[in-house]
C-alpha atoms as a PDB file:
ATOM      1  CA  UNK A   1     -24.757 139.283 192.733  1.00  0.00           C
ATOM      2  CA  UNK A   2     -22.689 139.790 189.595  1.00  0.00           C
ATOM      3  CA  UNK A   3     -21.820 143.224 188.365  1.00  0.00           C
ATOM      4  CA  UNK A   4     -23.572 144.798 185.416  1.00  0.00           C
ATOM      5  CA  UNK A   5     -20.370 144.875 183.174  1.00  0.00           C
ATOM      6  CA  UNK A   6     -19.659 141.252 183.914  1.00  0.00           C
ATOM      7  CA  UNK A   7     -23.223 140.362 182.985  1.00  0.00           C
ATOM      8  CA  UNK A   8     -22.990 142.346 179.835  1.00  0.00           C
ATOM      9  CA  UNK A   9     -19.685 140.736 178.922  1.00  0.00           C
ATOM     10  CA  UNK A  10     -21.162 137.340 179.456  1.00  0.00           C
ATOM     11  CA  UNK A  11     -24.204 138.210 177.369  1.00  0.00           C
ATOM     12  CA  UNK A  12     -21.898 139.373 174.480  1.00  0.00           C
ATOM     13  CA  UNK A  13     -19.840 136.244 174.666  1.00  0.00           C
ATOM     14  CA  UNK A  14     -23.005 134.033 174.491  1.00  0.00           C
ATOM     15  CA  UNK A  15     -24.209 136.010 171.545  1.00  0.00           C
ATOM     16  CA  UNK A  16     -20.872 135.582 169.798  1.00  0.00           C
ATOM     17  CA  UNK A  17     -21.135 131.820 170.439  1.00  0.00           C
ATOM     18  CA  UNK A  18     -24.388 131.808 168.356  1.00  0.00           C
ATOM     19  CA  UNK A  19     -22.715 133.089 165.194  1.00  0.00           C
ATOM     20  CA  UNK A  20     -22.514 130.561 162.530  1.00  0.00           C
ATOM     21  CA  UNK A  21     -19.687 130.060 159.941  1.00  0.00           C
ATOM     22  CA  UNK A  22     -20.181 130.252 156.201  1.00  0.00           C
ATOM     23  CA  UNK A  23     -21.563 127.232 154.477  1.00  0.00           C
ATOM     24  CA  UNK A  24     -19.098 124.925 152.720  1.00  0.00           C
ATOM     25  CA  UNK A  25     -18.560 125.697 149.075  1.00  0.00           C
ATOM     26  CA  UNK A  26     -19.230 129.426 149.463  1.00  0.00           C
ATOM     27  CA  UNK A  27     -17.144 131.802 147.369  1.00  0.00           C
ATOM     28  CA  UNK A  28     -14.296 133.348 149.418  1.00  0.00           C
ATOM     29  CA  UNK A  29     -14.700 136.816 150.919  1.00  0.00           C
ATOM     30  CA  UNK A  30     -12.187 139.452 151.541  1.00  0.00           C
ATOM     31  CA  UNK A  31     -10.901 139.725 155.139  1.00  0.00           C
ATOM     32  CA  UNK A  32     -12.799 142.953 155.699  1.00  0.00           C
ATOM     33  CA  UNK A  33     -16.065 141.462 154.384  1.00  0.00           C
ATOM     34  CA  UNK A  34     -15.555 138.313 156.557  1.00  0.00           C
ATOM     35  CA  UNK A  35     -14.900 140.359 159.643  1.00  0.00           C
ATOM     36  CA  UNK A  36     -18.035 142.481 158.908  1.00  0.00           C
ATOM     37  CA  UNK A  37     -20.086 139.486 158.264  1.00  0.00           C
ATOM     38  CA  UNK A  38     -18.923 137.778 161.489  1.00  0.00           C
ATOM     39  CA  UNK A  39     -19.778 140.902 163.382  1.00  0.00           C
ATOM     40  CA  UNK A  40     -23.276 141.299 161.781  1.00  0.00           C
ATOM     41  CA  UNK A  41     -23.990 137.579 162.408  1.00  0.00           C
ATOM     42  CA  UNK A  42     -22.958 137.912 166.102  1.00  0.00           C
ATOM     43  CA  UNK A  43     -24.810 141.017 166.756  1.00  0.00           C
ATOM     44  CA  UNK A  44     -27.877 140.163 164.519  1.00  0.00           C
ATOM     45  CA  UNK A  45     -28.583 136.707 165.890  1.00  0.00           C
ATOM     46  CA  UNK A  46     -30.473 137.896 169.075  1.00  0.00           C
ATOM     47  CA  UNK A  47     -32.646 140.156 166.882  1.00  0.00           C
ATOM     48  CA  UNK A  48     -33.262 137.468 164.320  1.00  0.00           C
ATOM     49  CA  UNK A  49     -34.175 135.024 167.111  1.00  0.00           C
ATOM     50  CA  UNK A  50     -36.612 137.605 168.680  1.00  0.00           C
ATOM     51  CA  UNK A  51     -38.253 138.288 165.277  1.00  0.00           C
ATOM     52  CA  UNK A  52     -38.476 134.600 164.433  1.00  0.00           C
ATOM     53  CA  UNK A  53     -40.036 133.703 167.808  1.00  0.00           C
ATOM     54  CA  UNK A  54     -42.498 136.626 167.478  1.00  0.00           C
ATOM     55  CA  UNK A  55     -43.422 135.443 163.993  1.00  0.00           C
ATOM     56  CA  UNK A  56     -43.957 131.867 165.336  1.00  0.00           C
ATOM     57  CA  UNK A  57     -46.202 133.022 168.071  1.00  0.00           C
ATOM     58  CA  UNK A  58     -48.340 135.225 165.634  1.00  0.00           C
ATOM     59  CA  UNK A  59     -48.458 132.412 163.135  1.00  0.00           C
ATOM     60  CA  UNK A  60     -49.605 129.928 165.713  1.00  0.00           C
ATOM     61  CA  UNK A  61     -52.317 132.371 166.977  1.00  0.00           C
ATOM     62  CA  UNK A  62     -53.620 132.579 163.405  1.00  0.00           C
ATOM     63  CA  UNK A  63     -53.076 129.080 162.040  1.00  0.00           C
ATOM     64  CA  UNK A  64     -54.372 127.048 164.845  1.00  0.00           C
ATOM     65  CA  UNK A  65     -57.904 128.502 165.048  1.00  0.00           C
ATOM     66  CA  UNK A  66     -58.088 128.642 161.208  1.00  0.00           C
ATOM     67  CA  UNK A  67     -57.234 124.929 160.842  1.00  0.00           C
ATOM     68  CA  UNK A  68     -59.725 124.128 163.592  1.00  0.00           C
ATOM     69  CA  UNK A  69     -62.461 126.149 161.761  1.00  0.00           C
ATOM     70  CA  UNK A  70     -61.484 124.394 158.498  1.00  0.00           C
ATOM     71  CA  UNK A  71     -61.917 120.996 160.134  1.00  0.00           C
ATOM     72  CA  UNK A  72     -65.551 121.915 160.861  1.00  0.00           C
ATOM     73  CA  UNK A  73     -66.323 122.604 157.226  1.00  0.00           C
ATOM     74  CA  UNK A  74     -67.203 120.312 154.377  1.00  0.00           C
ATOM     75  CA  UNK A  75     -65.003 122.110 151.716  1.00  0.00           C
ATOM     76  CA  UNK A  76     -63.583 119.822 149.020  1.00  0.00           C
ATOM     77  CA  UNK A  77     -60.054 121.459 149.352  1.00  0.00           C
ATOM     78  CA  UNK A  78     -59.998 121.449 153.111  1.00  0.00           C
ATOM     79  CA  UNK A  79     -57.121 119.099 153.515  1.00  0.00           C
ATOM     80  CA  UNK A  80     -54.948 120.996 151.049  1.00  0.00           C
ATOM     81  CA  UNK A  81     -55.716 124.285 152.885  1.00  0.00           C
ATOM     82  CA  UNK A  82     -54.923 122.746 156.260  1.00  0.00           C
ATOM     83  CA  UNK A  83     -51.627 121.245 154.913  1.00  0.00           C
ATOM     84  CA  UNK A  84     -50.694 124.765 153.585  1.00  0.00           C
ATOM     85  CA  UNK A  85     -51.224 126.250 156.973  1.00  0.00           C
ATOM     86  CA  UNK A  86     -49.234 123.504 158.649  1.00  0.00           C
ATOM     87  CA  UNK A  87     -46.442 124.047 156.141  1.00  0.00           C
ATOM     88  CA  UNK A  88     -46.425 127.784 156.885  1.00  0.00           C
ATOM     89  CA  UNK A  89     -46.415 127.213 160.640  1.00  0.00           C
ATOM     90  CA  UNK A  90     -43.501 124.759 160.184  1.00  0.00           C
ATOM     91  CA  UNK A  91     -41.569 127.223 158.098  1.00  0.00           C
ATOM     92  CA  UNK A  92     -42.077 129.988 160.648  1.00  0.00           C
ATOM     93  CA  UNK A  93     -41.431 127.999 163.831  1.00  0.00           C
ATOM     94  CA  UNK A  94     -38.912 125.353 163.031  1.00  0.00           C
ATOM     95  CA  UNK A  95     -35.321 125.652 161.854  1.00  0.00           C
ATOM     96  CA  UNK A  96     -32.406 127.479 163.242  1.00  0.00           C
ATOM     97  CA  UNK A  97     -32.913 130.603 165.361  1.00  0.00           C
ATOM     98  CA  UNK A  98     -29.289 131.656 164.583  1.00  0.00           C
ATOM     99  CA  UNK A  99     -28.680 134.146 161.756  1.00  0.00           C
ATOM    100  CA  UNK A 100     -26.951 132.269 159.041  1.00  0.00           C
ATOM    101  CA  UNK A 101     -24.269 133.957 157.014  1.00  0.00           C
ATOM    102  CA  UNK A 102     -24.629 134.157 153.248  1.00  0.00           C
END
């Protein structure tokens, strides 16, 4: 069994590996700002992923029964409402779970 400090070190290294670099074409940052952004991205990624996963689960719990109920109605705008729910669910659940730098 690995020791607790070794496990924490491995976890920190894995979280640092999730950090993303700045998008191409972004304005340059000072070295202090770049270091702070790298640290915030590395530490913030696990929290962002947790919050995004929680949002995805809550959205699914709300959107799936709602679209099923809409399917049973004869509302003229039913298809547009279902499409809006699908778009919201896709926005909340898909995409990167890594915190992107500005």
